[in-house]
Each structure stands twice: as C-alpha cells, then as structure tokens.
C-alpha atoms as a PDB file:
ATOM      1  CA  MET A   1      55.197   0.769  89.888  1.00  0.00           C
ATOM      2  CA  ARG A   2      55.351   2.057  93.427  1.00  0.00           C
ATOM      3  CA  TYR A   3      57.585   0.347  95.983  1.00  0.00           C
ATOM      4  CA  ARG A   4      57.356   0.631  99.757  1.00  0.00           C
ATOM      5  CA  ARG A   5      59.541  -1.025 102.354  1.00  0.00           C
ATOM      6  CA  LEU A   6      57.912  -1.653 105.725  1.00  0.00           C
ATOM      7  CA  SER A   7      59.918  -2.532 108.806  1.00  0.00           C
ATOM      8  CA  TYR A   8      57.331  -4.766 110.440  1.00  0.00           C
ATOM      9  CA  ARG A   9      55.780  -8.162 109.865  1.00  0.00           C
ATOM     10  CA  TYR A  10      52.662  -8.598 107.755  1.00  0.00           C
ATOM     11  CA  THR A  11      49.335  -9.413 109.409  1.00  0.00           C
ATOM     12  CA  MET A  12      45.637  -9.140 108.680  1.00  0.00           C
ATOM     13  CA  VAL A  13      43.121  -8.421 111.425  1.00  0.00           C
ATOM     14  CA  VAL A  14      39.428  -9.163 110.926  1.00  0.00           C
ATOM     15  CA  PRO A  15      37.259  -7.851 113.777  1.00  0.00           C
ATOM     16  CA  SER A  16      34.719 -10.329 115.122  1.00  0.00           C
ATOM     17  CA  GLY A  17      31.268  -9.949 113.667  1.00  0.00           C
ATOM     18  CA  GLN A  18      32.664  -8.542 110.431  1.00  0.00           C
ATOM     19  CA  ARG A  19      32.400 -10.527 107.242  1.00  0.00           C
ATOM     20  CA  TRP A  20      35.515 -11.843 105.497  1.00  0.00           C
ATOM     21  CA  PRO A  21      37.129  -8.842 103.765  1.00  0.00           C
ATOM     22  CA  PHE A  22      37.982 -10.501 100.439  1.00  0.00           C
ATOM     23  CA  GLN A  23      34.577 -11.576  99.235  1.00  0.00           C
ATOM     24  CA  ASP A  24      31.203 -10.117  98.416  1.00  0.00           C
ATOM     25  CA  THR A  25      27.943 -12.032  98.399  1.00  0.00           C
ATOM     26  CA  TRP A  26      25.669 -12.134  95.366  1.00  0.00           C
ATOM     27  CA  GLU A  27      22.279 -13.718  95.960  1.00  0.00           C
ATOM     28  CA  SER A  28      19.615 -14.842  93.562  1.00  0.00           C
ATOM     29  CA  ASP A  29      16.228 -16.339  94.407  1.00  0.00           C
ATOM     30  CA  ARG A  30      17.785 -19.854  94.615  1.00  0.00           C
ATOM     31  CA  LEU A  31      21.552 -19.509  94.953  1.00  0.00           C
ATOM     32  CA  ARG A  32      24.135 -17.582  96.922  1.00  0.00           C
ATOM     33  CA  PHE A  33      27.506 -16.843  95.335  1.00  0.00           C
ATOM     34  CA  PHE A  34      30.638 -15.771  97.155  1.00  0.00           C
ATOM     35  CA  VAL A  35      32.661 -13.628  94.794  1.00  0.00           C
ATOM     36  CA  PRO A  36      36.198 -12.511  95.637  1.00  0.00           C
ATOM     37  CA  ALA A  37      36.341  -8.723  95.858  1.00  0.00           C
ATOM     38  CA  ARG A  38      40.014  -9.017  94.914  1.00  0.00           C
ATOM     39  CA  TRP A  39      41.525 -11.572  92.615  1.00  0.00           C
ATOM     40  CA  ARG A  40      44.948 -13.134  93.023  1.00  0.00           C
ATOM     41  CA  PRO A  41      47.351 -13.000  90.062  1.00  0.00           C
ATOM     42  CA  ASP A  42      49.474 -16.061  89.303  1.00  0.00           C
ATOM     43  CA  ALA A  43      52.948 -15.882  90.831  1.00  0.00           C
ATOM     44  CA  ASP A  44      56.106 -17.968  91.038  1.00  0.00           C
ATOM     45  CA  LEU A  45      58.598 -17.759  93.894  1.00  0.00           C
ATOM     46  CA  TYR A  46      61.892 -19.624  93.907  1.00  0.00           C
ATOM     47  CA  GLU A  47      65.062 -19.444  95.925  1.00  0.00           C
ATOM     48  CA  THR A  48      68.703 -19.559  94.851  1.00  0.00           C
ATOM     49  CA  ALA A  49      71.796 -19.626  97.059  1.00  0.00           C
ATOM     50  CA  GLY A  50      71.821 -15.831  97.372  1.00  0.00           C
ATOM     51  CA  THR A  51      68.394 -14.568  96.261  1.00  0.00           C
ATOM     52  CA  ILE A  52      64.654 -15.025  96.328  1.00  0.00           C
ATOM     53  CA  GLU A  53      63.180 -14.570  92.851  1.00  0.00           C
ATOM     54  CA  ILE A  54      59.528 -13.631  92.322  1.00  0.00           C
ATOM     55  CA  VAL A  55      57.578 -13.473  89.053  1.00  0.00           C
ATOM     56  CA  VAL A  56      53.994 -12.115  89.046  1.00  0.00           C
ATOM     57  CA  ASP A  57      51.741 -12.273  85.967  1.00  0.00           C
ATOM     58  CA  LEU A  58      50.187  -8.807  85.570  1.00  0.00           C
ATOM     59  CA  ALA A  59      49.429  -8.812  81.835  1.00  0.00           C
ATOM     60  CA  GLY A  60      47.368  -5.813  80.820  1.00  0.00           C
ATOM     61  CA  ALA A  61      48.423  -3.671  83.794  1.00  0.00           C
ATOM     62  CA  THR A  62      50.731  -0.694  83.550  1.00  0.00           C
ATOM     63  CA  GLU A  63      53.445   0.150  86.076  1.00  0.00           C
ATOM     64  CA  ASP A  64      51.177   2.852  87.527  1.00  0.00           C
ATOM     65  CA  ASP A  65      48.452   0.257  88.216  1.00  0.00           C
ATOM     66  CA  PHE A  66      50.199  -1.612  91.049  1.00  0.00           C
ATOM     67  CA  GLU A  67      52.321  -1.261  94.161  1.00  0.00           C
ATOM     68  CA  VAL A  68      54.949  -3.550  95.673  1.00  0.00           C
ATOM     69  CA  GLN A  69      55.249  -3.664  99.473  1.00  0.00           C
ATOM     70  CA  LEU A  70      58.101  -5.446 101.215  1.00  0.00           C
ATOM     71  CA  PHE A  71      57.417  -6.478 104.803  1.00  0.00           C
ATOM     72  CA  GLU A  72      59.934  -8.350 106.953  1.00  0.00           C
ATOM     73  CA  ASP A  73      58.313 -11.686 106.105  1.00  0.00           C
ATOM     74  CA  VAL A  74      56.063 -11.146 103.045  1.00  0.00           C
ATOM     75  CA  LEU A  75      56.120  -9.428  99.668  1.00  0.00           C
ATOM     76  CA  VAL A  76      52.699  -7.982  98.765  1.00  0.00           C
ATOM     77  CA  VAL A  77      51.742  -6.860  95.265  1.00  0.00           C
ATOM     78  CA  GLN A  78      48.428  -5.050  94.997  1.00  0.00           C
ATOM     79  CA  GLY A  79      46.737  -2.876  92.460  1.00  0.00           C
ATOM     80  CA  HIS A  80      43.966  -2.626  89.918  1.00  0.00           C
ATOM     81  CA  ARG A  81      43.748  -3.938  86.356  1.00  0.00           C
ATOM     82  CA  GLN A  82      41.193  -2.401  84.011  1.00  0.00           C
ATOM     83  CA  LEU A  83      40.913  -4.010  80.606  1.00  0.00           C
ATOM     84  CA  PRO A  84      39.291  -2.336  77.613  1.00  0.00           C
ATOM     85  CA  SER A  85      35.665  -3.303  77.121  1.00  0.00           C
ATOM     86  CA  GLY A  86      34.235  -4.609  73.880  1.00  0.00           C
ATOM     87  CA  PRO A  87      32.600  -2.243  71.427  1.00  0.00           C
ATOM     88  CA  GLU A  88      29.082  -1.047  72.140  1.00  0.00           C
ATOM     89  CA  GLY A  89      26.551  -3.748  71.406  1.00  0.00           C
ATOM     90  CA  ALA A  90      29.081  -6.600  71.689  1.00  0.00           C
ATOM     91  CA  ALA A  91      27.806  -9.782  73.342  1.00  0.00           C
ATOM     92  CA  TYR A  92      30.411 -11.582  75.455  1.00  0.00           C
ATOM     93  CA  HIS A  93      30.411 -15.378  75.193  1.00  0.00           C
ATOM     94  CA  THR A  94      33.407 -15.833  77.466  1.00  0.00           C
ATOM     95  CA  ALA A  95      34.818 -13.370  79.994  1.00  0.00           C
ATOM     96  CA  ALA A  96      37.584 -15.203  81.850  1.00  0.00           C
ATOM     97  CA  ILE A  97      40.307 -12.561  82.143  1.00  0.00           C
ATOM     98  CA  ARG A  98      40.120 -11.143  85.639  1.00  0.00           C
ATOM     99  CA  GLN A  99      40.150  -7.428  86.195  1.00  0.00           C
ATOM    100  CA  GLY A 100      39.530  -5.006  89.005  1.00  0.00           C
ATOM    101  CA  PRO A 101      41.408  -4.893  92.309  1.00  0.00           C
ATOM    102  CA  PHE A 102      43.997  -7.604  92.938  1.00  0.00           C
ATOM    103  CA  GLN A 103      46.416  -8.642  95.657  1.00  0.00           C
ATOM    104  CA  VAL A 104      48.964 -11.409  96.035  1.00  0.00           C
ATOM    105  CA  GLU A 105      50.850 -12.111  99.263  1.00  0.00           C
ATOM    106  CA  LEU A 106      54.061 -14.131  98.996  1.00  0.00           C
ATOM    107  CA  PRO A 107      55.615 -15.337 102.270  1.00  0.00           C
ATOM    108  CA  LEU A 108      59.399 -15.087 102.151  1.00  0.00           C
ATOM    109  CA  PRO A 109      61.339 -18.290 102.937  1.00  0.00           C
ATOM    110  CA  ALA A 110      64.404 -16.372 104.215  1.00  0.00           C
ATOM    111  CA  ARG A 111      65.378 -12.954 105.564  1.00  0.00           C
ATOM    112  CA  VAL A 112      66.178 -10.435 102.847  1.00  0.00           C
ATOM    113  CA  ASP A 113      68.213  -7.243 102.635  1.00  0.00           C
ATOM    114  CA  PRO A 114      65.636  -4.445 102.132  1.00  0.00           C
ATOM    115  CA  GLU A 115      68.345  -2.191 100.686  1.00  0.00           C
ATOM    116  CA  ARG A 116      69.054  -4.630  97.824  1.00  0.00           C
ATOM    117  CA  VAL A 117      65.757  -5.043  95.987  1.00  0.00           C
ATOM    118  CA  GLU A 118      65.594  -5.168  92.216  1.00  0.00           C
ATOM    119  CA  ALA A 119      62.250  -4.952  90.407  1.00  0.00           C
ATOM    120  CA  ARG A 120      61.335  -4.549  86.771  1.00  0.00           C
ATOM    121  CA  TYR A 121      58.173  -4.874  84.730  1.00  0.00           C
ATOM    122  CA  ASP A 122      58.674  -6.521  81.351  1.00  0.00           C
ATOM    123  CA  ARG A 123      56.046  -7.806  78.878  1.00  0.00           C
ATOM    124  CA  GLY A 124      53.343  -8.109  81.545  1.00  0.00           C
ATOM    125  CA  LEU A 125      55.535  -9.798  84.151  1.00  0.00           C
ATOM    126  CA  LEU A 126      56.706  -8.207  87.387  1.00  0.00           C
ATOM    127  CA  LEU A 127      60.171  -9.610  88.161  1.00  0.00           C
ATOM    128  CA  VAL A 128      61.498  -9.037  91.694  1.00  0.00           C
ATOM    129  CA  THR A 129      64.907 -10.089  93.004  1.00  0.00           C
ATOM    130  CA  LEU A 130      65.391  -9.994  96.768  1.00  0.00           C
ATOM    131  CA  HIS A 131      68.937 -10.535  98.000  1.00  0.00           C
ATOM    132  CA  LYS A 132      69.200 -12.697 101.105  1.00  0.00           C
ATOM    133  CA  ARG A 133      70.824 -11.402 104.251  1.00  0.00           C
ATOM    134  CA  PRO A 134      73.990 -13.260 105.223  1.00  0.00           C
ATOM    135  CA  ARG A 135      73.426 -15.763 108.011  1.00  0.00           C
ATOM    136  CA  ALA A 136      74.604 -14.577 111.401  1.00  0.00           C
ATOM    137  CA  GLY A 137      77.173 -16.841 112.916  1.00  0.00           C
END
C-alpha cells in the first residue's frame, strides 16, 4: 500500500467538449451501454469523538495494488484489482466480482491531523484511522 499526503483540496476538472472521464461507451446495433471505466469499492466511514474511521472492501487485492491519498478534505483510495481467470475452456455463467481499475473518494466530515494517520490491510479490508485536529478556540 502506498500512502501520499497532499496539502491541497481535492477537485476534478473536466474540460468542456470532453466526455465524462469515468465511463466508456459500448454500442451494439440496437443498444448503447455506458460502462464505468473504474469501479467503486464498498466503503464505510464513521466518526468518533477523536477520529474518523474508514473501512474499504478490497478483497482480492494486495497491498501493492492500491494507493491511499489524503487531501485536506477527501481520502482517495485508487488502484487495480486483477482476479485469476478460470481455467482454459471454462464457460462463465456469472461474473459479478468487479476487477480492473478502481477509485473511491470519501469526503472527510472534519479536519484531520495528516501526521497521525494509521492504515492497515487485513483480510481484504483497508482500515484507516484519521485523528481529528483539535478545534481552534
């Protein structure tokens, strides 16, 4: 797992005339499908008196497969999950486990201390503890 702390706020800029960056278009002779180029893993975010706790479901990924970025106002987890394929000649009847590039953006409900970040990856779950900054006053 790679971790980067960034000292600015998170934003996404999409130039006019450019298509939405998180989807590709697949067309058939009758239908048009919009397929996300990145999928979003499930995540929980909750707040205690002194911390913000984040849990991201990354089952099947290794620590080298993703990166955690802490902005002033958002925690971003992005990476790539590649699952093993079935044996040669196998016919899939269901393929519901998402793989490929992913990204989840979690807005932070309070200011955090970027020097006090704890992260661990255990049994497919990324667990991040962000300690809140004391209120000025």
